Amino acid sequence: MNGSKRSKNLVNLRLSIQCGFLAMVLSIGIRFGMFVRHFASNGTAPLVTRPPGVEGFLPIGALASLKQWLISGEINPVHPAALVIFLTVVGVSLVAKKSFCSWLCPVGTLSEWAWRLGQRLFGRNFLIWSRLDILLRGVKYLLLLFFVKIILIDMGADSLAEFLGAPYWAISDVKMLRFFTHMSLTTLVILGILTSLSLLYKNFWCRYLCPYGALLGVVSVLSPLKIMRNRAGCTGCRYCSAACPSGLPVHLSATVHSPECSGCLTCVANCPERDVLRIASPFWRRPLPVWLFPLLVVALFAAGVGSGMATGHWQSILTYADYRQLIPLVPNLGH
């Protein structure tokens, strides 16, 4: 298979997986909106079953649930899927780089589509001054440290139990939905600014502001799978570095160890030489077929979620009566 065909196949495979996962997330969001609407309408709208996958949008609560699990050995039953999805995503990063961000994350997908649109509109994407870029990249790690400190370090057992037992946590998924369906002017302005910056700069949110991505990047340093370059076969064309969405100097590295590497395989797809760039492990050096890596990512995610379902840590213990009582209170909770 020649380089151009190999590259096109890899790009199409990644796009297919991104679109499939985004469609699944959108369907979860729509279904959850219909579920909430039933209670908001006092039962006049049709009732659909609540999709637990919506809890994937509760990473901060999942961090609190993680601490409870580490302390007590029990998974919080109010939103168990939040912790299952959180641990699954971390597990994927531990095995297969920060691949969740580049292959599955809906925010990452939309962010990538934004800068690609920007390329078409402006003929290019722009670069932030290198020293400022380094400082800005540190912001997401500072945000990560902030959440780790206030939840995993500072929050005591009593405060943790109070938070996880409060109505706010019980209905946090509905609060999250309301954030999107009842946006304030301030929220709209901030989203507009972030969208504009994402058109101009590659993966602006992911690169500079996402604490979830920062965590996965730190974890991914331990991944046995890395982008590796065969120096003997490399012609020094630098196509790999030019194509890297994270701006990494791939052409200078024998092995890419950076936590900024998302395992998107864009560098591999743009290398004109066969097997010069590959996803492999320093332990066995034999390259993983490029088509197998994304399937591994999907399989790991499916296995994590499936294990949560199989062990009974997926459906919330909240009942119909609980939601009927709590959902009308949503506009006032947290204010």
C-alpha atoms as a PDB file:
ATOM      1  CA  MET A   1       0.000   0.000   0.000  1.00  0.00           C
ATOM      2  CA  ASN A   2       1.537   3.341  -1.008  1.00  0.00           C
ATOM      3  CA  GLY A   3       1.957   6.213   1.458  1.00  0.00           C
ATOM      4  CA  SER A   4      -0.865   8.405   0.178  1.00  0.00           C
ATOM      5  CA  LYS A   5      -3.410   5.583   0.244  1.00  0.00           C
ATOM      6  CA  ARG A   6      -2.236   4.481   3.676  1.00  0.00           C
ATOM      7  CA  SER A   7      -2.597   8.043   4.928  1.00  0.00           C
ATOM      8  CA  LYS A   8      -6.083   8.443   3.469  1.00  0.00           C
ATOM      9  CA  ASN A   9      -7.263   5.165   5.000  1.00  0.00           C
ATOM     10  CA  LEU A  10      -6.006   6.197   8.443  1.00  0.00           C
ATOM     11  CA  VAL A  11      -7.604   9.640   8.205  1.00  0.00           C
ATOM     12  CA  ASN A  12     -10.930   8.117   7.116  1.00  0.00           C
ATOM     13  CA  LEU A  13     -10.811   5.545   9.925  1.00  0.00           C
ATOM     14  CA  ARG A  14     -10.226   8.241  12.526  1.00  0.00           C
ATOM     15  CA  LEU A  15     -12.983  10.438  11.114  1.00  0.00           C
ATOM     16  CA  SER A  16     -15.399   7.505  11.152  1.00  0.00           C
ATOM     17  CA  ILE A  17     -14.658   6.729  14.803  1.00  0.00           C
ATOM     18  CA  GLN A  18     -14.910  10.399  15.787  1.00  0.00           C
ATOM     19  CA  CYS A  19     -18.241  10.811  13.985  1.00  0.00           C
ATOM     20  CA  GLY A  20     -19.613   7.588  15.437  1.00  0.00           C
ATOM     21  CA  PHE A  21     -18.719   8.555  18.999  1.00  0.00           C
ATOM     22  CA  LEU A  22     -20.014  12.100  18.537  1.00  0.00           C
ATOM     23  CA  ALA A  23     -23.303  10.740  17.188  1.00  0.00           C
ATOM     24  CA  MET A  24     -23.588   8.435  20.202  1.00  0.00           C
ATOM     25  CA  VAL A  25     -22.974  11.337  22.601  1.00  0.00           C
ATOM     26  CA  LEU A  26     -25.537  13.503  20.809  1.00  0.00           C
ATOM     27  CA  SER A  27     -28.103  10.714  20.991  1.00  0.00           C
ATOM     28  CA  ILE A  28     -27.434  10.376  24.730  1.00  0.00           C
ATOM     29  CA  GLY A  29     -27.898  14.122  25.133  1.00  0.00           C
ATOM     30  CA  ILE A  30     -31.158  14.139  23.187  1.00  0.00           C
ATOM     31  CA  ARG A  31     -32.508  11.167  25.110  1.00  0.00           C
ATOM     32  CA  PHE A  32     -31.550  12.718  28.426  1.00  0.00           C
ATOM     33  CA  GLY A  33     -33.230  15.970  27.392  1.00  0.00           C
ATOM     34  CA  MET A  34     -36.427  14.028  26.670  1.00  0.00           C
ATOM     35  CA  PHE A  35     -36.132  12.305  30.051  1.00  0.00           C
ATOM     36  CA  VAL A  36     -35.841  15.620  31.887  1.00  0.00           C
ATOM     37  CA  ARG A  37     -38.621  17.186  29.830  1.00  0.00           C
ATOM     38  CA  HIS A  38     -41.066  14.546  31.078  1.00  0.00           C
ATOM     39  CA  PHE A  39     -40.589  15.715  34.670  1.00  0.00           C
ATOM     40  CA  ALA A  40     -40.332  19.420  33.810  1.00  0.00           C
ATOM     41  CA  SER A  41     -43.703  19.145  32.048  1.00  0.00           C
ATOM     42  CA  ASN A  42     -45.346  17.454  35.049  1.00  0.00           C
ATOM     43  CA  GLY A  43     -45.590  14.194  33.149  1.00  0.00           C
ATOM     44  CA  THR A  44     -47.306  15.478  30.004  1.00  0.00           C
ATOM     45  CA  ALA A  45     -44.260  14.797  27.781  1.00  0.00           C
ATOM     46  CA  PRO A  46     -43.455  11.132  26.999  1.00  0.00           C
ATOM     47  CA  LEU A  47     -41.175   9.315  29.429  1.00  0.00           C
ATOM     48  CA  VAL A  48     -37.987   7.721  28.098  1.00  0.00           C
ATOM     49  CA  THR A  49     -35.406   5.818  30.109  1.00  0.00           C
ATOM     50  CA  ARG A  50     -32.521   7.857  31.450  1.00  0.00           C
ATOM     51  CA  PRO A  51     -29.198   7.148  29.649  1.00  0.00           C
ATOM     52  CA  PRO A  52     -26.467   6.708  32.325  1.00  0.00           C
ATOM     53  CA  GLY A  53     -23.812   7.679  29.748  1.00  0.00           C
ATOM     54  CA  VAL A  54     -24.711  11.323  30.378  1.00  0.00           C
ATOM     55  CA  GLU A  55     -22.661  11.040  33.573  1.00  0.00           C
ATOM     56  CA  GLY A  56     -19.530  11.164  31.449  1.00  0.00           C
ATOM     57  CA  PHE A  57     -20.013  14.935  31.585  1.00  0.00           C
ATOM     58  CA  LEU A  58     -19.539  14.960  35.378  1.00  0.00           C
ATOM     59  CA  PRO A  59     -15.749  14.580  35.744  1.00  0.00           C
ATOM     60  CA  ILE A  60     -15.479  16.821  38.829  1.00  0.00           C
ATOM     61  CA  GLY A  61     -18.150  14.830  40.640  1.00  0.00           C
ATOM     62  CA  ALA A  62     -16.425  11.662  39.445  1.00  0.00           C
ATOM     63  CA  LEU A  63     -13.256  12.864  41.167  1.00  0.00           C
ATOM     64  CA  ALA A  64     -15.193  13.175  44.440  1.00  0.00           C
ATOM     65  CA  SER A  65     -16.708   9.741  43.832  1.00  0.00           C
ATOM     66  CA  LEU A  66     -13.191   8.405  43.236  1.00  0.00           C
ATOM     67  CA  LYS A  67     -12.081   9.650  46.640  1.00  0.00           C
ATOM     68  CA  GLN A  68     -15.073   8.015  48.287  1.00  0.00           C
ATOM     69  CA  TRP A  69     -14.258   4.753  46.511  1.00  0.00           C
ATOM     70  CA  LEU A  70     -10.620   4.924  47.655  1.00  0.00           C
ATOM     71  CA  ILE A  71     -11.683   5.626  51.237  1.00  0.00           C
ATOM     72  CA  SER A  72     -14.595   3.223  51.594  1.00  0.00           C
ATOM     73  CA  GLY A  73     -14.218   0.768  48.725  1.00  0.00           C
ATOM     74  CA  GLU A  74     -17.757   1.593  47.596  1.00  0.00           C
ATOM     75  CA  ILE A  75     -18.808   3.290  44.361  1.00  0.00           C
ATOM     76  CA  ASN A  76     -21.282   6.102  44.905  1.00  0.00           C
ATOM     77  CA  PRO A  77     -24.664   4.695  43.803  1.00  0.00           C
ATOM     78  CA  VAL A  78     -26.226   8.039  42.829  1.00  0.00           C
ATOM     79  CA  HIS A  79     -24.055   8.500  39.749  1.00  0.00           C
ATOM     80  CA  PRO A  80     -21.986   5.295  39.458  1.00  0.00           C
ATOM     81  CA  ALA A  81     -21.490   5.658  35.696  1.00  0.00           C
ATOM     82  CA  ALA A  82     -19.596   8.920  36.302  1.00  0.00           C
ATOM     83  CA  LEU A  83     -16.814   7.050  38.093  1.00  0.00           C
ATOM     84  CA  VAL A  84     -16.924   4.084  35.681  1.00  0.00           C
ATOM     85  CA  ILE A  85     -16.461   6.369  32.669  1.00  0.00           C
ATOM     86  CA  PHE A  86     -13.794   8.417  34.450  1.00  0.00           C
ATOM     87  CA  LEU A  87     -11.757   5.334  35.361  1.00  0.00           C
ATOM     88  CA  THR A  88     -12.263   3.920  31.856  1.00  0.00           C
ATOM     89  CA  VAL A  89     -10.916   7.059  30.196  1.00  0.00           C
ATOM     90  CA  VAL A  90      -7.938   7.144  32.557  1.00  0.00           C
ATOM     91  CA  GLY A  91      -7.342   3.441  31.847  1.00  0.00           C
ATOM     92  CA  VAL A  92      -7.419   4.034  28.095  1.00  0.00           C
ATOM     93  CA  SER A  93      -4.769   6.745  28.510  1.00  0.00           C
ATOM     94  CA  LEU A  94      -2.654   4.507  30.692  1.00  0.00           C
ATOM     95  CA  VAL A  95      -2.524   1.872  27.941  1.00  0.00           C
ATOM     96  CA  ALA A  96      -2.911   3.803  24.687  1.00  0.00           C
ATOM     97  CA  LYS A  97      -1.625   7.340  25.162  1.00  0.00           C
ATOM     98  CA  LYS A  98      -3.990  10.311  25.411  1.00  0.00           C
ATOM     99  CA  SER A  99      -5.972   8.682  22.615  1.00  0.00           C
ATOM    100  CA  PHE A 100      -9.370   9.371  24.168  1.00  0.00           C
ATOM    101  CA  CYS A 101      -8.820  13.059  23.376  1.00  0.00           C
ATOM    102  CA  SER A 102      -8.058  12.535  19.693  1.00  0.00           C
ATOM    103  CA  TRP A 103     -10.235   9.549  18.825  1.00  0.00           C
ATOM    104  CA  LEU A 104     -13.301   9.648  21.089  1.00  0.00           C
ATOM    105  CA  CYS A 105     -13.756  12.923  22.988  1.00  0.00           C
ATOM    106  CA  PRO A 106     -16.614  14.931  21.419  1.00  0.00           C
ATOM    107  CA  VAL A 107     -15.075  18.223  22.564  1.00  0.00           C
ATOM    108  CA  GLY A 108     -11.776  17.222  20.972  1.00  0.00           C
ATOM    109  CA  THR A 109     -13.565  16.314  17.755  1.00  0.00           C
ATOM    110  CA  LEU A 110     -15.423  19.636  17.583  1.00  0.00           C
ATOM    111  CA  SER A 111     -12.236  21.500  18.441  1.00  0.00           C
ATOM    112  CA  GLU A 112     -10.398  19.782  15.597  1.00  0.00           C
ATOM    113  CA  TRP A 113     -13.190  20.512  13.136  1.00  0.00           C
ATOM    114  CA  ALA A 114     -13.077  24.161  14.214  1.00  0.00           C
ATOM    115  CA  TRP A 115      -9.396  24.662  13.410  1.00  0.00           C
ATOM    116  CA  ARG A 116      -9.761  22.756  10.144  1.00  0.00           C
ATOM    117  CA  LEU A 117     -12.593  25.132   9.240  1.00  0.00           C
ATOM    118  CA  GLY A 118     -10.319  27.992  10.230  1.00  0.00           C
ATOM    119  CA  GLN A 119      -7.685  26.687   7.814  1.00  0.00           C
ATOM    120  CA  ARG A 120     -10.230  26.864   5.009  1.00  0.00           C
ATOM    121  CA  LEU A 121     -11.489  30.296   5.967  1.00  0.00           C
ATOM    122  CA  PHE A 122      -8.129  31.957   6.563  1.00  0.00           C
ATOM    123  CA  GLY A 123      -5.819  29.726   4.550  1.00  0.00           C
ATOM    124  CA  ARG A 124      -3.856  28.791   7.657  1.00  0.00           C
ATOM    125  CA  ASN A 125      -3.878  28.427  11.422  1.00  0.00           C
ATOM    126  CA  PHE A 126      -1.920  30.820  13.561  1.00  0.00           C
ATOM    127  CA  LEU A 127       0.843  30.213  16.090  1.00  0.00           C
ATOM    128  CA  ILE A 128       1.167  31.780  19.518  1.00  0.00           C
ATOM    129  CA  TRP A 129       4.607  33.119  20.451  1.00  0.00           C
ATOM    130  CA  SER A 130       6.560  30.114  21.723  1.00  0.00           C
ATOM    131  CA  ARG A 131       7.249  31.415  25.240  1.00  0.00           C
ATOM    132  CA  LEU A 132       3.635  32.459  25.687  1.00  0.00           C
ATOM    133  CA  ASP A 133       2.554  29.077  24.327  1.00  0.00           C
ATOM    134  CA  ILE A 134       4.548  27.319  27.044  1.00  0.00           C
ATOM    135  CA  LEU A 135       2.985  29.511  29.744  1.00  0.00           C
ATOM    136  CA  LEU A 136      -0.519  28.995  28.408  1.00  0.00           C
ATOM    137  CA  ARG A 137      -0.064  25.226  28.211  1.00  0.00           C
ATOM    138  CA  GLY A 138       0.607  25.315  31.941  1.00  0.00           C
ATOM    139  CA  VAL A 139      -2.869  26.716  32.643  1.00  0.00           C
ATOM    140  CA  LYS A 140      -4.612  23.361  32.185  1.00  0.00           C
ATOM    141  CA  TYR A 141      -2.164  21.725  34.601  1.00  0.00           C
ATOM    142  CA  LEU A 142      -2.814  24.457  37.163  1.00  0.00           C
ATOM    143  CA  LEU A 143      -6.560  23.861  36.787  1.00  0.00           C
ATOM    144  CA  LEU A 144      -5.965  20.143  37.273  1.00  0.00           C
ATOM    145  CA  LEU A 145      -3.923  20.802  40.428  1.00  0.00           C
ATOM    146  CA  PHE A 146      -6.703  23.063  41.712  1.00  0.00           C
ATOM    147  CA  PHE A 147      -9.348  20.338  41.413  1.00  0.00           C
ATOM    148  CA  VAL A 148      -7.022  17.660  42.808  1.00  0.00           C
ATOM    149  CA  LYS A 149      -6.226  19.884  45.794  1.00  0.00           C
ATOM    150  CA  ILE A 150      -9.775  20.907  46.709  1.00  0.00           C
ATOM    151  CA  ILE A 151     -11.268  17.439  46.186  1.00  0.00           C
ATOM    152  CA  LEU A 152      -8.635  14.741  46.699  1.00  0.00           C
ATOM    153  CA  ILE A 153      -6.543  16.604  49.292  1.00  0.00           C
ATOM    154  CA  ASP A 154      -8.595  19.244  51.106  1.00  0.00           C
ATOM    155  CA  MET A 155     -12.069  17.680  51.166  1.00  0.00           C
ATOM    156  CA  GLY A 156     -12.497  15.708  54.371  1.00  0.00           C
ATOM    157  CA  ALA A 157     -14.618  12.606  54.794  1.00  0.00           C
ATOM    158  CA  ASP A 158     -17.524  14.558  56.315  1.00  0.00           C
ATOM    159  CA  SER A 159     -17.505  17.184  53.553  1.00  0.00           C
ATOM    160  CA  LEU A 160     -17.256  14.455  50.935  1.00  0.00           C
ATOM    161  CA  ALA A 161     -20.236  12.586  52.363  1.00  0.00           C
ATOM    162  CA  GLU A 162     -22.217  15.832  52.573  1.00  0.00           C
ATOM    163  CA  PHE A 163     -21.498  16.684  48.929  1.00  0.00           C
ATOM    164  CA  LEU A 164     -22.272  13.216  47.562  1.00  0.00           C
ATOM    165  CA  GLY A 165     -25.434  13.016  49.649  1.00  0.00           C
ATOM    166  CA  ALA A 166     -26.744  16.448  48.685  1.00  0.00           C
ATOM    167  CA  PRO A 167     -29.554  17.138  46.188  1.00  0.00           C
ATOM    168  CA  TYR A 168     -27.081  19.147  44.092  1.00  0.00           C
ATOM    169  CA  TRP A 169     -25.013  16.026  43.334  1.00  0.00           C
ATOM    170  CA  ALA A 170     -28.135  13.942  42.755  1.00  0.00           C
ATOM    171  CA  ILE A 171     -29.337  16.342  40.097  1.00  0.00           C
ATOM    172  CA  SER A 172     -25.957  17.563  38.803  1.00  0.00           C
ATOM    173  CA  ASP A 173     -26.557  15.917  35.425  1.00  0.00           C
ATOM    174  CA  VAL A 174     -29.745  17.942  35.012  1.00  0.00           C
ATOM    175  CA  LYS A 175     -27.884  21.088  36.089  1.00  0.00           C
ATOM    176  CA  MET A 176     -25.313  20.319  33.414  1.00  0.00           C
ATOM    177  CA  LEU A 177     -28.050  19.984  30.797  1.00  0.00           C
ATOM    178  CA  ARG A 178     -29.568  23.281  31.923  1.00  0.00           C
ATOM    179  CA  PHE A 179     -26.165  24.934  31.438  1.00  0.00           C
ATOM    180  CA  PHE A 180     -26.527  24.241  27.700  1.00  0.00           C
ATOM    181  CA  THR A 181     -30.263  24.813  27.341  1.00  0.00           C
ATOM    182  CA  HIS A 182     -30.473  28.003  29.430  1.00  0.00           C
ATOM    183  CA  MET A 183     -27.217  29.785  28.646  1.00  0.00           C
ATOM    184  CA  SER A 184     -26.593  33.182  30.180  1.00  0.00           C
ATOM    185  CA  LEU A 185     -25.202  36.040  28.114  1.00  0.00           C
ATOM    186  CA  THR A 186     -21.858  35.611  29.874  1.00  0.00           C
ATOM    187  CA  THR A 187     -21.754  31.923  28.924  1.00  0.00           C
ATOM    188  CA  LEU A 188     -22.596  32.715  25.299  1.00  0.00           C
ATOM    189  CA  VAL A 189     -19.860  35.355  25.131  1.00  0.00           C
ATOM    190  CA  ILE A 190     -17.250  33.003  26.626  1.00  0.00           C
ATOM    191  CA  LEU A 191     -18.237  30.160  24.275  1.00  0.00           C
ATOM    192  CA  GLY A 192     -18.118  32.587  21.358  1.00  0.00           C
ATOM    193  CA  ILE A 193     -14.600  33.686  22.304  1.00  0.00           C
ATOM    194  CA  LEU A 194     -13.415  30.083  22.719  1.00  0.00           C
ATOM    195  CA  THR A 195     -14.942  29.111  19.377  1.00  0.00           C
ATOM    196  CA  SER A 196     -13.265  32.063  17.639  1.00  0.00           C
ATOM    197  CA  LEU A 197      -9.904  31.177  19.164  1.00  0.00           C
ATOM    198  CA  SER A 198     -10.410  27.543  18.135  1.00  0.00           C
ATOM    199  CA  LEU A 199     -10.823  28.658  14.524  1.00  0.00           C
ATOM    200  CA  LEU A 200      -7.508  30.501  14.672  1.00  0.00           C
ATOM    201  CA  TYR A 201      -5.379  28.208  16.826  1.00  0.00           C
ATOM    202  CA  LYS A 202      -5.257  24.424  16.713  1.00  0.00           C
ATOM    203  CA  ASN A 203      -7.162  22.794  19.584  1.00  0.00           C
ATOM    204  CA  PHE A 204      -7.153  25.974  21.690  1.00  0.00           C
ATOM    205  CA  TRP A 205      -9.350  24.578  24.490  1.00  0.00           C
ATOM    206  CA  CYS A 206      -7.614  21.193  24.578  1.00  0.00           C
ATOM    207  CA  ARG A 207      -4.114  22.657  24.390  1.00  0.00           C
ATOM    208  CA  TYR A 208      -4.450  25.375  27.007  1.00  0.00           C
ATOM    209  CA  LEU A 209      -7.516  24.994  29.213  1.00  0.00           C
ATOM    210  CA  CYS A 210      -8.807  21.415  29.559  1.00  0.00           C
ATOM    211  CA  PRO A 211      -7.886  19.972  32.995  1.00  0.00           C
ATOM    212  CA  TYR A 212      -9.293  16.569  31.995  1.00  0.00           C
ATOM    213  CA  GLY A 213      -6.861  16.466  29.078  1.00  0.00           C
ATOM    214  CA  ALA A 214      -4.062  17.540  31.416  1.00  0.00           C
ATOM    215  CA  LEU A 215      -4.775  14.567  33.674  1.00  0.00           C
ATOM    216  CA  LEU A 216      -4.868  12.162  30.735  1.00  0.00           C
ATOM    217  CA  GLY A 217      -1.615  13.622  29.421  1.00  0.00           C
ATOM    218  CA  VAL A 218       0.137  13.014  32.742  1.00  0.00           C
ATOM    219  CA  VAL A 219      -1.214   9.450  32.886  1.00  0.00           C
ATOM    220  CA  SER A 220      -0.277   8.804  29.252  1.00  0.00           C
ATOM    221  CA  VAL A 221       3.401   9.297  30.024  1.00  0.00           C
ATOM    222  CA  LEU A 222       3.214   5.814  31.597  1.00  0.00           C
ATOM    223  CA  SER A 223       1.662   4.284  28.475  1.00  0.00           C
ATOM    224  CA  PRO A 224       3.795   1.513  26.928  1.00  0.00           C
ATOM    225  CA  LEU A 225       2.744   2.655  23.457  1.00  0.00           C
ATOM    226  CA  LYS A 226       4.654   5.580  21.949  1.00  0.00           C
ATOM    227  CA  ILE A 227       5.214   7.215  18.593  1.00  0.00           C
ATOM    228  CA  MET A 228       8.653   5.958  17.530  1.00  0.00           C
ATOM    229  CA  ARG A 229      10.866   7.080  14.657  1.00  0.00           C
ATOM    230  CA  ASN A 230      13.338   4.932  12.753  1.00  0.00           C
ATOM    231  CA  ARG A 231      16.291   7.302  12.392  1.00  0.00           C
ATOM    232  CA  ALA A 232      17.945   5.194   9.713  1.00  0.00           C
ATOM    233  CA  GLY A 233      14.975   5.393   7.361  1.00  0.00           C
ATOM    234  CA  CYS A 234      14.025   9.013   8.139  1.00  0.00           C
ATOM    235  CA  THR A 235      14.734  11.456   5.287  1.00  0.00           C
ATOM    236  CA  GLY A 236      14.301  14.569   7.448  1.00  0.00           C
ATOM    237  CA  CYS A 237      11.354  15.888   5.441  1.00  0.00           C
ATOM    238  CA  ARG A 238       9.666  17.172   8.645  1.00  0.00           C
ATOM    239  CA  TYR A 239       6.179  16.386   7.340  1.00  0.00           C
ATOM    240  CA  CYS A 240       5.439  14.705  10.668  1.00  0.00           C
ATOM    241  CA  SER A 241       6.234  17.784  12.753  1.00  0.00           C
ATOM    242  CA  ALA A 242       4.395  20.095  10.357  1.00  0.00           C
ATOM    243  CA  ALA A 243       1.265  17.944  10.607  1.00  0.00           C
ATOM    244  CA  CYS A 244       1.309  17.367  14.398  1.00  0.00           C
ATOM    245  CA  PRO A 245      -1.710  19.203  15.916  1.00  0.00           C
ATOM    246  CA  SER A 246       0.210  19.564  19.185  1.00  0.00           C
ATOM    247  CA  GLY A 247       3.201  21.173  17.477  1.00  0.00           C
ATOM    248  CA  LEU A 248       5.646  18.533  18.665  1.00  0.00           C
ATOM    249  CA  PRO A 249       9.073  18.221  16.964  1.00  0.00           C
ATOM    250  CA  VAL A 250       8.472  14.609  15.973  1.00  0.00           C
ATOM    251  CA  HIS A 251      11.299  14.667  13.419  1.00  0.00           C
ATOM    252  CA  LEU A 252      13.818  15.190  16.238  1.00  0.00           C
ATOM    253  CA  SER A 253      12.607  12.401  18.523  1.00  0.00           C
ATOM    254  CA  ALA A 254      13.458   8.734  18.482  1.00  0.00           C
ATOM    255  CA  THR A 255      10.502   8.252  20.837  1.00  0.00           C
ATOM    256  CA  VAL A 256       7.812  10.830  21.586  1.00  0.00           C
ATOM    257  CA  HIS A 257       7.346  10.991  25.359  1.00  0.00           C
ATOM    258  CA  SER A 258       5.498  14.313  25.591  1.00  0.00           C
ATOM    259  CA  PRO A 259       2.213  14.398  27.581  1.00  0.00           C
ATOM    260  CA  GLU A 260       0.940  16.659  24.790  1.00  0.00           C
ATOM    261  CA  CYS A 261       0.967  13.738  22.332  1.00  0.00           C
ATOM    262  CA  SER A 262      -2.622  12.572  21.882  1.00  0.00           C
ATOM    263  CA  GLY A 263      -1.881   9.447  19.852  1.00  0.00           C
ATOM    264  CA  CYS A 264      -3.884  10.806  16.918  1.00  0.00           C
ATOM    265  CA  LEU A 265      -1.390   9.212  14.480  1.00  0.00           C
ATOM    266  CA  THR A 266      -1.499  12.305  12.256  1.00  0.00           C
ATOM    267  CA  CYS A 267       2.290  12.282  12.102  1.00  0.00           C
ATOM    268  CA  VAL A 268       2.247   8.619  11.046  1.00  0.00           C
ATOM    269  CA  ALA A 269      -0.366   9.354   8.370  1.00  0.00           C
ATOM    270  CA  ASN A 270       1.761  12.179   6.942  1.00  0.00           C
ATOM    271  CA  CYS A 271       5.083  10.335   6.878  1.00  0.00           C
ATOM    272  CA  PRO A 272       5.892   9.461   3.235  1.00  0.00           C
ATOM    273  CA  GLU A 273       8.196   6.586   4.236  1.00  0.00           C
ATOM    274  CA  ARG A 274       6.871   3.176   5.169  1.00  0.00           C
ATOM    275  CA  ASP A 275       7.329   2.161   8.845  1.00  0.00           C
ATOM    276  CA  VAL A 276       9.634   5.051   9.663  1.00  0.00           C
ATOM    277  CA  LEU A 277       7.047   6.421  12.055  1.00  0.00           C
ATOM    278  CA  ARG A 278       5.014   3.888  13.976  1.00  0.00           C
ATOM    279  CA  ILE A 279       3.104   3.330  17.181  1.00  0.00           C
ATOM    280  CA  ALA A 280       5.087   0.792  19.162  1.00  0.00           C
ATOM    281  CA  SER A 281       6.487  -0.043  22.575  1.00  0.00           C
ATOM    282  CA  PRO A 282      10.117   0.286  23.690  1.00  0.00           C
ATOM    283  CA  PHE A 283       9.683  -3.163  25.230  1.00  0.00           C
ATOM    284  CA  TRP A 284       9.128  -5.099  22.028  1.00  0.00           C
ATOM    285  CA  ARG A 285       9.744  -2.580  19.225  1.00  0.00           C
ATOM    286  CA  ARG A 286       7.524  -4.400  16.775  1.00  0.00           C
ATOM    287  CA  PRO A 287       5.103  -1.755  15.448  1.00  0.00           C
ATOM    288  CA  LEU A 288       1.419  -2.004  16.144  1.00  0.00           C
ATOM    289  CA  PRO A 289      -0.549  -1.928  12.876  1.00  0.00           C
ATOM    290  CA  VAL A 290      -2.016   1.563  12.535  1.00  0.00           C
ATOM    291  CA  TRP A 291      -5.513   0.133  12.033  1.00  0.00           C
ATOM    292  CA  LEU A 292      -5.197  -1.894  15.245  1.00  0.00           C
ATOM    293  CA  PHE A 293      -4.402   1.055  17.512  1.00  0.00           C
ATOM    294  CA  PRO A 294      -7.801   2.814  17.144  1.00  0.00           C
ATOM    295  CA  LEU A 295      -9.586  -0.514  17.488  1.00  0.00           C
ATOM    296  CA  LEU A 296      -7.641  -1.047  20.711  1.00  0.00           C
ATOM    297  CA  VAL A 297      -8.788   2.376  21.949  1.00  0.00           C
ATOM    298  CA  VAL A 298     -12.434   1.610  21.183  1.00  0.00           C
ATOM    299  CA  ALA A 299     -12.167  -1.888  22.663  1.00  0.00           C
ATOM    300  CA  LEU A 300     -10.632  -0.580  25.900  1.00  0.00           C
ATOM    301  CA  PHE A 301     -13.383   2.012  26.272  1.00  0.00           C
ATOM    302  CA  ALA A 302     -16.094  -0.550  25.554  1.00  0.00           C
ATOM    303  CA  ALA A 303     -14.529  -2.999  28.017  1.00  0.00           C
ATOM    304  CA  GLY A 304     -14.428  -0.397  30.789  1.00  0.00           C
ATOM    305  CA  VAL A 305     -18.035   0.649  30.311  1.00  0.00           C
ATOM    306  CA  GLY A 306     -19.109  -2.979  29.887  1.00  0.00           C
ATOM    307  CA  SER A 307     -17.459  -3.967  33.155  1.00  0.00           C
ATOM    308  CA  GLY A 308     -19.374  -1.212  34.937  1.00  0.00           C
ATOM    309  CA  MET A 309     -22.625  -2.511  33.503  1.00  0.00           C
ATOM    310  CA  ALA A 310     -21.792  -6.130  34.290  1.00  0.00           C
ATOM    311  CA  THR A 311     -20.929  -5.386  37.925  1.00  0.00           C
ATOM    312  CA  GLY A 312     -24.061  -3.302  38.522  1.00  0.00           C
ATOM    313  CA  HIS A 313     -22.267   0.042  38.727  1.00  0.00           C
ATOM    314  CA  TRP A 314     -24.062   1.803  35.897  1.00  0.00           C
ATOM    315  CA  GLN A 315     -27.694   2.659  36.671  1.00  0.00           C
ATOM    316  CA  SER A 316     -28.423   5.313  39.314  1.00  0.00           C
ATOM    317  CA  ILE A 317     -30.367   4.348  42.424  1.00  0.00           C
ATOM    318  CA  LEU A 318     -32.530   7.464  42.011  1.00  0.00           C
ATOM    319  CA  THR A 319     -36.166   6.554  41.438  1.00  0.00           C
ATOM    320  CA  TYR A 320     -38.952   8.083  39.395  1.00  0.00           C
ATOM    321  CA  ALA A 321     -40.256   9.702  42.581  1.00  0.00           C
ATOM    322  CA  ASP A 322     -36.822  11.194  43.311  1.00  0.00           C
ATOM    323  CA  TYR A 323     -36.614  12.832  39.891  1.00  0.00           C
ATOM    324  CA  ARG A 324     -40.216  14.045  40.109  1.00  0.00           C
ATOM    325  CA  GLN A 325     -39.320  15.799  43.356  1.00  0.00           C
ATOM    326  CA  LEU A 326     -35.872  17.109  42.409  1.00  0.00           C
ATOM    327  CA  ILE A 327     -36.109  18.250  38.780  1.00  0.00           C
ATOM    328  CA  PRO A 328     -38.550  21.123  39.489  1.00  0.00           C
ATOM    329  CA  LEU A 329     -36.009  22.387  42.047  1.00  0.00           C
ATOM    330  CA  VAL A 330     -33.144  22.562  39.550  1.00  0.00           C
ATOM    331  CA  PRO A 331     -33.337  26.322  38.801  1.00  0.00           C
ATOM    332  CA  ASN A 332     -32.840  27.059  42.512  1.00  0.00           C
ATOM    333  CA  LEU A 333     -30.216  24.464  43.408  1.00  0.00           C
ATOM    334  CA  GLY A 334     -26.697  25.857  43.692  1.00  0.00           C
ATOM    335  CA  HIS A 335     -27.821  29.487  43.918  1.00  0.00           C
END
